[in-house]
């Protein structure tokens, strides 16, 4: 019976693993990550971005220029990146300064928004948000937009911004995040 030499076996296992994982890493980086990152960076209104992804979802953190429509940014990214994104869910989040005033205001309006989302009466969302504005909120600007996947809410008070993306998919409503 022949004795198996340990060094050649270990060397071939290491070389094989190197090429397999190296090829997988190169594919993930150059076939998925870079093209999608370029699409996000080239989207009008995007100042900075960070794209992370796994088998189930693509997470995109953005910094937006003033008066940029988050709905348009999302639409362009999902349209132009469709082949790269595939069947993954796209999660957008926007980098903003902490704003306790806007967070408190949003928490007060949240029940009406959650009810409109749950009952799928999306047209009630702008009305519900406007209803919560008071005299002291006179400089608060509330913008709402909608597409096939999400409802987008942008609250602005001076230089403070809060962006909320509400999935229209009933089992994924992230109103309480």
Protein backbone atom coordinates (compact mmCIF):
# COMPACT_ATOMS: atom_id res chain seq x y z
CA UNK A 1 0.00 0.00 0.00
CA UNK A 2 1.27 3.46 -0.95
CA UNK A 3 1.74 6.08 1.67
CA UNK A 4 0.06 9.44 0.95
CA UNK A 5 2.49 12.31 1.16
CA UNK A 6 1.07 15.01 3.37
CA UNK A 7 2.87 18.05 1.93
CA UNK A 8 1.55 17.77 -1.66
CA UNK A 9 -2.00 17.13 -0.42
CA UNK A 10 -1.95 20.15 1.91
CA UNK A 11 -0.37 22.30 -0.75
CA UNK A 12 -3.03 21.41 -3.32
CA UNK A 13 -5.82 22.05 -0.77
CA UNK A 14 -4.37 25.49 0.07
CA UNK A 15 -3.90 26.43 -3.60
CA UNK A 16 -7.42 25.24 -4.50
CA UNK A 17 -8.96 27.16 -1.59
CA UNK A 18 -6.99 30.26 -2.54
CA UNK A 19 -8.30 30.20 -6.11
CA UNK A 20 -11.87 29.36 -5.13
CA UNK A 21 -12.19 32.05 -2.48
CA UNK A 22 -10.09 34.51 -4.47
CA UNK A 23 -12.34 34.03 -7.48
CA UNK A 24 -15.46 34.40 -5.36
CA UNK A 25 -14.09 37.58 -3.76
CA UNK A 26 -13.08 39.03 -7.14
CA UNK A 27 -16.54 38.26 -8.56
CA UNK A 28 -18.29 39.87 -5.59
CA UNK A 29 -16.06 42.95 -5.77
CA UNK A 30 -15.76 43.54 -9.51
CA UNK A 31 -18.99 42.08 -10.87
CA UNK A 32 -21.38 43.24 -8.15
CA UNK A 33 -19.89 45.78 -5.75
CA UNK A 34 -18.05 48.10 -8.11
CA UNK A 35 -20.76 48.45 -10.78
CA UNK A 36 -23.47 49.06 -8.18
CA UNK A 37 -21.25 51.49 -6.27
CA UNK A 38 -20.61 53.41 -9.49
CA UNK A 39 -24.33 53.56 -10.30
CA UNK A 40 -25.06 54.97 -6.83
CA UNK A 41 -22.21 57.51 -6.99
CA UNK A 42 -23.27 58.73 -10.43
CA UNK A 43 -26.92 59.19 -9.41
CA UNK A 44 -27.83 62.90 -9.43
CA UNK A 45 -28.26 64.31 -5.94
CA UNK A 46 -26.01 61.77 -4.19
CA UNK A 47 -23.05 63.33 -2.38
CA UNK A 48 -21.63 60.23 -0.68
CA UNK A 49 -22.59 56.59 -0.58
CA UNK A 50 -21.69 53.27 0.96
CA UNK A 51 -22.95 50.02 -0.54
CA UNK A 52 -22.93 46.71 1.34
CA UNK A 53 -24.62 43.54 0.19
CA UNK A 54 -25.15 39.89 0.94
CA UNK A 55 -27.19 37.13 -0.65
CA UNK A 56 -30.54 38.58 0.50
CA UNK A 57 -30.21 42.36 0.48
CA UNK A 58 -28.32 45.40 -0.71
CA UNK A 59 -27.92 48.15 1.90
CA UNK A 60 -27.15 51.63 0.63
CA UNK A 61 -26.28 54.52 2.95
CA UNK A 62 -26.50 57.90 1.23
CA UNK A 63 -25.78 61.53 1.85
CA UNK A 64 -28.04 63.63 -0.35
CA UNK A 65 -27.79 67.14 -1.70
CA UNK A 66 -30.61 69.50 -0.64
CA UNK A 67 -33.90 69.16 -2.52
CA UNK A 68 -33.06 65.71 -3.87
CA UNK A 69 -35.98 63.33 -4.32
CA UNK A 70 -35.28 60.07 -2.50
CA UNK A 71 -37.90 58.39 -4.69
CA UNK A 72 -36.01 59.39 -7.84
CA UNK A 73 -32.70 58.24 -6.36
CA UNK A 74 -34.20 54.88 -5.38
CA UNK A 75 -35.85 54.47 -8.77
CA UNK A 76 -32.68 55.19 -10.70
CA UNK A 77 -30.55 52.87 -8.56
CA UNK A 78 -33.01 49.97 -8.82
CA UNK A 79 -33.55 50.49 -12.56
CA UNK A 80 -29.93 50.89 -13.61
CA UNK A 81 -28.66 48.33 -11.11
CA UNK A 82 -31.34 45.71 -11.75
CA UNK A 83 -28.95 43.13 -13.23
CA UNK A 84 -26.50 43.58 -10.37
CA UNK A 85 -29.13 43.70 -7.63
CA UNK A 86 -31.01 40.67 -8.94
CA UNK A 87 -33.58 39.37 -6.47
CA UNK A 88 -32.02 41.08 -3.44
CA UNK A 89 -34.06 43.58 -1.41
CA UNK A 90 -32.77 47.15 -1.55
CA UNK A 91 -32.60 48.99 1.77
CA UNK A 92 -31.92 52.73 1.56
CA UNK A 93 -30.94 54.88 4.49
CA UNK A 94 -29.94 58.52 4.42
CA UNK A 95 -27.21 59.97 6.61
CA UNK A 96 -28.47 63.01 8.49
CA UNK A 97 -27.52 64.82 11.67
CA UNK A 98 -29.34 63.67 14.77
CA UNK A 99 -32.49 65.71 15.14
CA UNK A 100 -34.34 65.19 18.43
CA UNK A 101 -37.02 67.72 17.38
CA UNK A 102 -37.83 65.87 14.15
CA UNK A 103 -37.62 62.47 15.88
CA UNK A 104 -40.09 63.63 18.52
CA UNK A 105 -42.41 65.08 15.89
CA UNK A 106 -42.22 61.86 13.84
CA UNK A 107 -43.00 59.77 16.93
CA UNK A 108 -46.17 61.79 17.49
CA UNK A 109 -47.30 61.42 13.88
CA UNK A 110 -46.34 57.76 13.70
CA UNK A 111 -49.68 56.28 14.78
CA UNK A 112 -51.62 57.92 11.97
CA UNK A 113 -48.94 56.99 9.45
CA UNK A 114 -48.86 53.39 10.70
CA UNK A 115 -52.64 53.16 10.42
CA UNK A 116 -52.58 54.52 6.85
CA UNK A 117 -49.85 52.02 5.95
CA UNK A 118 -51.64 49.11 7.58
CA UNK A 119 -54.95 49.88 5.87
CA UNK A 120 -53.17 50.71 2.60
CA UNK A 121 -54.73 54.19 2.50
CA UNK A 122 -51.51 55.80 1.32
CA UNK A 123 -53.24 59.03 0.33
CA UNK A 124 -53.99 59.61 4.02
CA UNK A 125 -50.28 59.89 4.89
CA UNK A 126 -49.72 63.49 3.69
CA UNK A 127 -52.96 64.57 5.36
CA UNK A 128 -52.01 62.85 8.61
CA UNK A 129 -48.59 64.48 8.61
CA UNK A 130 -49.98 67.94 7.88
CA UNK A 131 -52.55 67.44 10.65
CA UNK A 132 -49.74 67.07 13.19
CA UNK A 133 -48.14 70.38 12.30
CA UNK A 134 -48.78 73.09 14.87
CA UNK A 135 -48.05 76.80 14.98
CA UNK A 136 -44.60 76.13 16.45
CA UNK A 137 -43.93 73.81 13.49
CA UNK A 138 -44.60 76.55 10.94
CA UNK A 139 -41.14 76.18 9.39
CA UNK A 140 -41.45 72.39 9.17
CA UNK A 141 -41.62 71.16 5.58
CA UNK A 142 -43.16 67.74 5.01
CA UNK A 143 -42.72 66.04 1.64
CA UNK A 144 -44.18 62.66 0.75
CA UNK A 145 -43.68 60.59 -2.39
CA UNK A 146 -44.62 57.10 -3.40
CA UNK A 147 -43.67 54.49 -5.97
CA UNK A 148 -44.54 50.80 -6.47
CA UNK A 149 -42.35 49.64 -3.58
CA UNK A 150 -42.18 52.40 -0.96
CA UNK A 151 -43.60 55.56 0.55
CA UNK A 152 -40.92 58.21 1.10
CA UNK A 153 -41.26 60.86 3.81
CA UNK A 154 -38.87 63.79 4.07
CA UNK A 155 -39.13 66.10 7.06
CA UNK A 156 -37.12 69.32 7.02
CA UNK A 157 -36.88 71.99 9.67
CA UNK A 158 -34.18 74.53 8.88
CA UNK A 159 -31.00 72.57 8.24
CA UNK A 160 -32.32 69.45 9.99
CA UNK A 161 -33.58 66.57 7.84
CA UNK A 162 -35.22 63.24 8.51
CA UNK A 163 -35.86 60.71 5.76
CA UNK A 164 -38.12 57.72 6.28
CA UNK A 165 -38.62 54.93 3.75
CA UNK A 166 -41.79 52.92 4.40
CA UNK A 167 -42.06 49.67 2.43
CA UNK A 168 -45.52 49.17 0.93
CA UNK A 169 -45.11 45.42 1.30
CA UNK A 170 -47.44 44.56 4.19
CA UNK A 171 -45.14 42.07 5.91
CA UNK A 172 -42.18 44.45 5.73
CA UNK A 173 -43.66 47.68 7.07
CA UNK A 174 -40.79 49.31 8.91
CA UNK A 175 -42.73 52.23 10.33
CA UNK A 176 -41.56 51.50 13.84
CA UNK A 177 -37.82 51.60 13.10
